[in-house]
N, C-alpha and C. Protein backbone atom coordinates (compact mmCIF):
# COMPACT_ATOMS: atom_id res chain seq x y z
N MET A 1 -6.20 5.24 13.23
CA MET A 1 -5.02 4.94 12.42
C MET A 1 -4.27 3.78 13.08
N LYS A 2 -3.93 2.79 12.28
CA LYS A 2 -3.28 1.59 12.80
C LYS A 2 -1.77 1.63 12.58
N TRP A 3 -1.22 2.77 12.18
CA TRP A 3 0.21 2.83 11.89
C TRP A 3 0.78 4.18 12.31
N CYS A 4 2.11 4.19 12.46
CA CYS A 4 2.84 5.42 12.73
C CYS A 4 4.19 5.32 12.02
N ILE A 5 4.89 6.43 11.96
CA ILE A 5 6.18 6.48 11.27
C ILE A 5 7.29 6.42 12.31
N LYS A 6 8.27 5.53 12.05
CA LYS A 6 9.44 5.40 12.91
C LYS A 6 10.66 5.13 12.04
N LYS A 7 11.83 5.22 12.65
CA LYS A 7 13.08 4.85 11.99
C LYS A 7 13.05 3.36 11.68
N SER A 8 13.40 3.01 10.44
CA SER A 8 13.38 1.61 10.01
C SER A 8 14.78 1.02 10.01
N LYS A 9 14.89 -0.25 10.35
CA LYS A 9 16.17 -0.96 10.23
C LYS A 9 16.42 -1.37 8.78
N ILE A 10 15.39 -1.30 7.95
CA ILE A 10 15.50 -1.69 6.54
C ILE A 10 16.01 -0.54 5.69
N HIS A 11 15.34 0.63 5.81
CA HIS A 11 15.73 1.78 5.00
C HIS A 11 15.03 3.03 5.52
N GLY A 12 15.78 4.01 5.92
CA GLY A 12 15.21 5.31 6.32
C GLY A 12 14.10 5.17 7.34
N ASN A 13 12.96 5.81 7.03
CA ASN A 13 11.79 5.69 7.88
C ASN A 13 10.87 4.62 7.32
N GLY A 14 10.01 4.09 8.16
CA GLY A 14 9.04 3.09 7.74
C GLY A 14 7.75 3.28 8.51
N THR A 15 6.76 2.46 8.18
CA THR A 15 5.48 2.50 8.88
C THR A 15 5.39 1.28 9.80
N PHE A 16 4.91 1.51 10.99
CA PHE A 16 4.85 0.48 12.01
C PHE A 16 3.45 0.42 12.59
N CYS A 17 3.00 -0.78 12.93
CA CYS A 17 1.68 -0.95 13.54
C CYS A 17 1.66 -0.33 14.93
N THR A 18 0.58 0.34 15.26
CA THR A 18 0.41 0.92 16.59
C THR A 18 -0.39 0.01 17.51
N GLU A 19 -0.85 -1.13 16.94
CA GLU A 19 -1.60 -2.12 17.71
C GLU A 19 -1.43 -3.47 17.02
N ASP A 20 -1.69 -4.55 17.72
CA ASP A 20 -1.70 -5.86 17.08
C ASP A 20 -2.85 -5.91 16.08
N VAL A 21 -2.60 -6.47 14.91
CA VAL A 21 -3.67 -6.61 13.92
C VAL A 21 -3.74 -8.06 13.44
N HIS A 22 -4.93 -8.47 13.10
CA HIS A 22 -5.17 -9.82 12.59
C HIS A 22 -4.92 -9.87 11.08
N LYS A 23 -4.80 -11.06 10.57
CA LYS A 23 -4.73 -11.27 9.13
C LYS A 23 -5.97 -10.66 8.48
N ASN A 24 -5.81 -10.09 7.28
CA ASN A 24 -6.88 -9.48 6.49
C ASN A 24 -7.43 -8.18 7.08
N THR A 25 -6.64 -7.51 7.91
CA THR A 25 -7.04 -6.21 8.45
C THR A 25 -6.67 -5.11 7.46
N ASP A 26 -7.62 -4.23 7.17
CA ASP A 26 -7.33 -3.08 6.33
C ASP A 26 -6.51 -2.10 7.16
N LEU A 27 -5.26 -1.88 6.75
CA LEU A 27 -4.35 -1.01 7.50
C LEU A 27 -4.52 0.45 7.11
N GLY A 28 -5.17 0.72 6.00
CA GLY A 28 -5.45 2.09 5.62
C GLY A 28 -5.26 2.35 4.14
N LEU A 29 -5.83 3.45 3.71
CA LEU A 29 -5.71 3.91 2.33
C LEU A 29 -4.33 4.48 2.12
N SER A 30 -3.62 3.98 1.14
CA SER A 30 -2.25 4.43 0.92
C SER A 30 -2.06 5.19 -0.37
N ILE A 31 -2.86 4.85 -1.38
CA ILE A 31 -2.70 5.50 -2.69
C ILE A 31 -4.09 5.83 -3.22
N PRO A 32 -4.64 6.97 -2.79
CA PRO A 32 -6.01 7.32 -3.19
C PRO A 32 -6.12 7.70 -4.66
N LEU A 33 -7.25 7.36 -5.26
CA LEU A 33 -7.58 7.78 -6.62
C LEU A 33 -7.93 9.26 -6.54
N SER A 34 -7.20 10.09 -7.29
CA SER A 34 -7.46 11.52 -7.22
C SER A 34 -8.25 12.03 -8.42
N SER A 35 -8.11 11.37 -9.58
CA SER A 35 -8.90 11.79 -10.73
C SER A 35 -9.02 10.64 -11.73
N GLU A 36 -10.10 10.68 -12.50
CA GLU A 36 -10.33 9.66 -13.51
C GLU A 36 -11.02 10.31 -14.70
N THR A 37 -10.50 10.05 -15.89
CA THR A 37 -11.12 10.50 -17.12
C THR A 37 -11.42 9.27 -17.98
N GLU A 38 -11.89 9.49 -19.19
CA GLU A 38 -12.17 8.37 -20.09
C GLU A 38 -10.91 7.61 -20.45
N THR A 39 -9.75 8.27 -20.40
CA THR A 39 -8.52 7.62 -20.85
C THR A 39 -7.48 7.38 -19.77
N SER A 40 -7.65 7.96 -18.58
CA SER A 40 -6.62 7.78 -17.57
C SER A 40 -7.16 7.85 -16.15
N LYS A 41 -6.38 7.27 -15.24
CA LYS A 41 -6.63 7.36 -13.80
C LYS A 41 -5.35 7.88 -13.17
N THR A 42 -5.48 8.75 -12.20
CA THR A 42 -4.31 9.27 -11.49
C THR A 42 -4.46 9.00 -10.00
N PHE A 43 -3.44 8.38 -9.43
CA PHE A 43 -3.40 8.09 -8.00
C PHE A 43 -2.26 8.89 -7.39
N PHE A 44 -2.44 9.38 -6.16
CA PHE A 44 -1.38 10.09 -5.44
C PHE A 44 -1.02 9.31 -4.19
N ARG A 45 0.26 8.99 -4.03
CA ARG A 45 0.70 8.32 -2.80
C ARG A 45 0.59 9.31 -1.65
N ASN A 46 0.00 8.88 -0.55
CA ASN A 46 0.01 9.71 0.65
C ASN A 46 1.20 9.29 1.51
N THR A 47 1.32 9.84 2.70
CA THR A 47 2.47 9.51 3.56
C THR A 47 2.57 8.01 3.79
N PHE A 48 1.44 7.36 4.04
CA PHE A 48 1.44 5.91 4.27
C PHE A 48 2.00 5.18 3.05
N GLY A 49 1.55 5.55 1.87
CA GLY A 49 2.02 4.91 0.65
C GLY A 49 3.49 5.17 0.35
N LEU A 50 3.97 6.32 0.75
CA LEU A 50 5.37 6.67 0.46
C LEU A 50 6.37 6.00 1.41
N LEU A 51 5.95 5.69 2.62
CA LEU A 51 6.91 5.22 3.62
C LEU A 51 6.84 3.72 3.91
N ILE A 52 6.09 2.98 3.13
CA ILE A 52 6.08 1.52 3.26
C ILE A 52 7.37 1.00 2.63
N ASN A 53 8.08 0.15 3.32
CA ASN A 53 9.32 -0.42 2.78
C ASN A 53 9.07 -1.75 2.08
N ASP A 54 9.99 -2.10 1.20
CA ASP A 54 9.93 -3.30 0.36
C ASP A 54 10.50 -4.51 1.10
N SER A 55 9.89 -5.67 0.88
CA SER A 55 10.41 -6.92 1.43
C SER A 55 9.94 -8.08 0.57
N LYS A 56 10.81 -9.06 0.40
CA LYS A 56 10.41 -10.29 -0.29
C LYS A 56 9.68 -11.22 0.69
N ILE A 57 9.59 -10.82 1.95
CA ILE A 57 8.80 -11.54 2.95
C ILE A 57 7.82 -10.51 3.54
N PRO A 58 6.83 -10.10 2.75
CA PRO A 58 5.92 -9.04 3.20
C PRO A 58 4.93 -9.54 4.25
N ASN A 59 4.36 -8.59 4.99
CA ASN A 59 3.28 -8.91 5.91
C ASN A 59 1.99 -8.20 5.52
N ALA A 60 2.04 -7.48 4.38
CA ALA A 60 0.86 -6.77 3.86
C ALA A 60 0.89 -6.81 2.34
N LYS A 61 -0.26 -6.54 1.75
CA LYS A 61 -0.37 -6.48 0.29
C LYS A 61 -1.26 -5.30 -0.08
N THR A 62 -1.20 -4.91 -1.34
CA THR A 62 -2.08 -3.86 -1.84
C THR A 62 -3.38 -4.49 -2.33
N VAL A 63 -4.48 -3.83 -2.01
CA VAL A 63 -5.79 -4.27 -2.44
C VAL A 63 -6.52 -3.07 -3.04
N LYS A 64 -7.04 -3.22 -4.24
CA LYS A 64 -7.74 -2.13 -4.93
C LYS A 64 -9.17 -2.07 -4.43
N ARG A 65 -9.59 -0.88 -4.02
CA ARG A 65 -10.97 -0.62 -3.63
C ARG A 65 -11.44 0.59 -4.45
N ASP A 66 -12.69 0.95 -4.34
CA ASP A 66 -13.24 2.05 -5.15
C ASP A 66 -12.50 3.36 -4.96
N ASP A 67 -12.02 3.63 -3.74
CA ASP A 67 -11.38 4.92 -3.45
C ASP A 67 -9.88 4.90 -3.67
N GLY A 68 -9.30 3.75 -4.06
CA GLY A 68 -7.86 3.68 -4.31
C GLY A 68 -7.28 2.39 -3.77
N TRP A 69 -5.96 2.41 -3.53
CA TRP A 69 -5.23 1.23 -3.06
C TRP A 69 -5.08 1.27 -1.55
N HIS A 70 -5.41 0.16 -0.92
CA HIS A 70 -5.28 0.00 0.53
C HIS A 70 -4.19 -1.03 0.80
N PHE A 71 -3.54 -0.93 1.95
CA PHE A 71 -2.67 -1.99 2.41
C PHE A 71 -3.48 -2.84 3.39
N VAL A 72 -3.41 -4.17 3.18
CA VAL A 72 -4.14 -5.13 3.99
C VAL A 72 -3.14 -6.17 4.50
N SER A 73 -3.24 -6.51 5.78
CA SER A 73 -2.32 -7.49 6.36
C SER A 73 -2.59 -8.88 5.77
N ILE A 74 -1.50 -9.60 5.48
CA ILE A 74 -1.64 -10.96 4.96
C ILE A 74 -1.32 -12.00 6.03
N LYS A 75 -0.98 -11.51 7.21
CA LYS A 75 -0.76 -12.35 8.38
C LYS A 75 -0.86 -11.44 9.59
N PRO A 76 -0.96 -12.00 10.79
CA PRO A 76 -0.99 -11.13 11.97
C PRO A 76 0.29 -10.28 12.05
N ILE A 77 0.12 -9.04 12.46
CA ILE A 77 1.26 -8.13 12.64
C ILE A 77 1.19 -7.61 14.07
N LYS A 78 2.30 -7.69 14.76
CA LYS A 78 2.36 -7.26 16.15
C LYS A 78 2.55 -5.75 16.26
N LYS A 79 2.11 -5.20 17.37
CA LYS A 79 2.35 -3.80 17.68
C LYS A 79 3.85 -3.53 17.58
N ASP A 80 4.23 -2.42 16.96
CA ASP A 80 5.61 -1.97 16.78
C ASP A 80 6.37 -2.74 15.70
N GLU A 81 5.71 -3.66 14.99
CA GLU A 81 6.34 -4.36 13.87
C GLU A 81 6.17 -3.52 12.60
N GLU A 82 7.21 -3.50 11.78
CA GLU A 82 7.15 -2.71 10.55
C GLU A 82 6.23 -3.37 9.53
N ILE A 83 5.42 -2.55 8.85
CA ILE A 83 4.53 -3.01 7.79
C ILE A 83 5.35 -3.03 6.50
N LEU A 84 5.36 -4.17 5.81
CA LEU A 84 6.19 -4.36 4.62
C LEU A 84 5.36 -4.94 3.47
N VAL A 85 5.65 -4.48 2.26
CA VAL A 85 5.01 -5.03 1.06
C VAL A 85 6.08 -5.41 0.04
N ASP A 86 5.70 -6.26 -0.89
CA ASP A 86 6.58 -6.64 -2.00
C ASP A 86 6.33 -5.66 -3.14
N TYR A 87 7.30 -4.80 -3.42
CA TYR A 87 7.12 -3.78 -4.46
C TYR A 87 6.81 -4.39 -5.82
N ASP A 88 7.41 -5.54 -6.14
CA ASP A 88 7.16 -6.18 -7.43
C ASP A 88 5.70 -6.58 -7.57
N GLU A 89 5.12 -7.11 -6.51
CA GLU A 89 3.72 -7.53 -6.52
C GLU A 89 2.82 -6.31 -6.73
N TYR A 90 3.16 -5.21 -6.08
CA TYR A 90 2.39 -3.97 -6.23
C TYR A 90 2.46 -3.47 -7.67
N ALA A 91 3.65 -3.42 -8.23
CA ALA A 91 3.83 -2.94 -9.61
C ALA A 91 3.03 -3.79 -10.59
N ASP A 92 3.02 -5.10 -10.38
CA ASP A 92 2.24 -5.99 -11.24
C ASP A 92 0.76 -5.66 -11.17
N LYS A 93 0.24 -5.32 -9.99
CA LYS A 93 -1.18 -4.99 -9.84
C LYS A 93 -1.52 -3.70 -10.56
N VAL A 94 -0.65 -2.71 -10.48
CA VAL A 94 -0.91 -1.44 -11.18
C VAL A 94 -0.94 -1.68 -12.69
N ASP A 95 0.01 -2.47 -13.19
CA ASP A 95 0.01 -2.79 -14.62
C ASP A 95 -1.25 -3.54 -15.00
N LEU A 96 -1.70 -4.47 -14.14
CA LEU A 96 -2.91 -5.23 -14.41
C LEU A 96 -4.12 -4.32 -14.45
N GLU A 97 -4.20 -3.37 -13.53
CA GLU A 97 -5.34 -2.44 -13.53
C GLU A 97 -5.39 -1.68 -14.84
N SER A 98 -4.25 -1.22 -15.32
CA SER A 98 -4.20 -0.50 -16.59
C SER A 98 -4.71 -1.38 -17.72
N PHE A 99 -4.31 -2.64 -17.72
CA PHE A 99 -4.74 -3.58 -18.76
C PHE A 99 -6.25 -3.82 -18.68
N ILE A 100 -6.76 -4.05 -17.47
CA ILE A 100 -8.19 -4.36 -17.30
C ILE A 100 -9.05 -3.14 -17.62
N SER A 101 -8.67 -1.97 -17.13
CA SER A 101 -9.49 -0.78 -17.32
C SER A 101 -9.33 -0.16 -18.70
N GLY A 102 -8.24 -0.53 -19.40
CA GLY A 102 -7.98 0.07 -20.71
C GLY A 102 -7.58 1.54 -20.59
N LYS A 103 -7.23 1.97 -19.38
CA LYS A 103 -6.83 3.36 -19.16
C LYS A 103 -5.37 3.42 -18.75
N ARG A 104 -4.75 4.52 -19.07
CA ARG A 104 -3.39 4.76 -18.59
C ARG A 104 -3.49 5.06 -17.11
N VAL A 105 -2.64 4.40 -16.31
CA VAL A 105 -2.65 4.59 -14.86
C VAL A 105 -1.37 5.29 -14.45
N ALA A 106 -1.51 6.39 -13.73
CA ALA A 106 -0.34 7.11 -13.22
C ALA A 106 -0.40 7.11 -11.71
N VAL A 107 0.71 6.77 -11.07
CA VAL A 107 0.82 6.85 -9.62
C VAL A 107 1.88 7.90 -9.33
N ILE A 108 1.46 8.95 -8.66
CA ILE A 108 2.35 10.08 -8.40
C ILE A 108 2.60 10.19 -6.90
């Protein structure tokens, strides 16, 4: 695991790197696909997905893989630095997945 939970200066608790990571490092599965039918997909946020804080200057992004959404670093992140994503960018990707797959997408 490349992250841990600590008190955030941004909001409540956040996720922080436990080691230095390079750009394009998979930081972990954050929103796993839990079920899929002909008409819908359901994803459940795990602890990692729930505790990532929002920033307009993110250091990570969401990337869709077969097993769900992963957070991937978009630049080097130092040990003890908070992992941040742009919530608007994430929301746009979920909407895009729904459009491409033709299925209703629920993130719980």
